Amino acid sequence: ELDRCGCAELNDAPGPMQVEGFQLYEEDDVAFIPLDQECPPQTNMLRSVNSFTWSSERQASEMRNRLIIQNLSSVSTGYYRVCFKHESEVFNVGIISVRPSCTSPLVMAQGS
């Protein structure tokens, strides 16, 4: 899949989230919803899962073809749909996998 899209190799090191497109603005935003849901058609219906946090500071590239979102994190592991809000529209831009970042010998466990 990486070869097909011309994407760079995967990197396991944490880094900022980057959205690529055209005419991107720092006012654009992302939301993360359960994978079994679809991105809503209107921005006023878009609500992100509460387990995600990210910086309100965004950086649009000079050519406006890349938007960088810093300090993205989640306290819940799993797969989520990424919805992108641009002006008055919402777009499904992909899926994000959240994995635990525990260092060995620690493990992540759920339950009580």
Foldseek 3Di string as FASTA:
>chain_A
DCVVVVHDDDDPDDDWDKDFAAPADLPKDKAWAAPVDDADFWPVPDDHDPQWDWDSGWDADPRRGMITTPDIDGPDFDKIWMWIGDDTGIDGDGMDGHDDPDDPPDDDDDDD
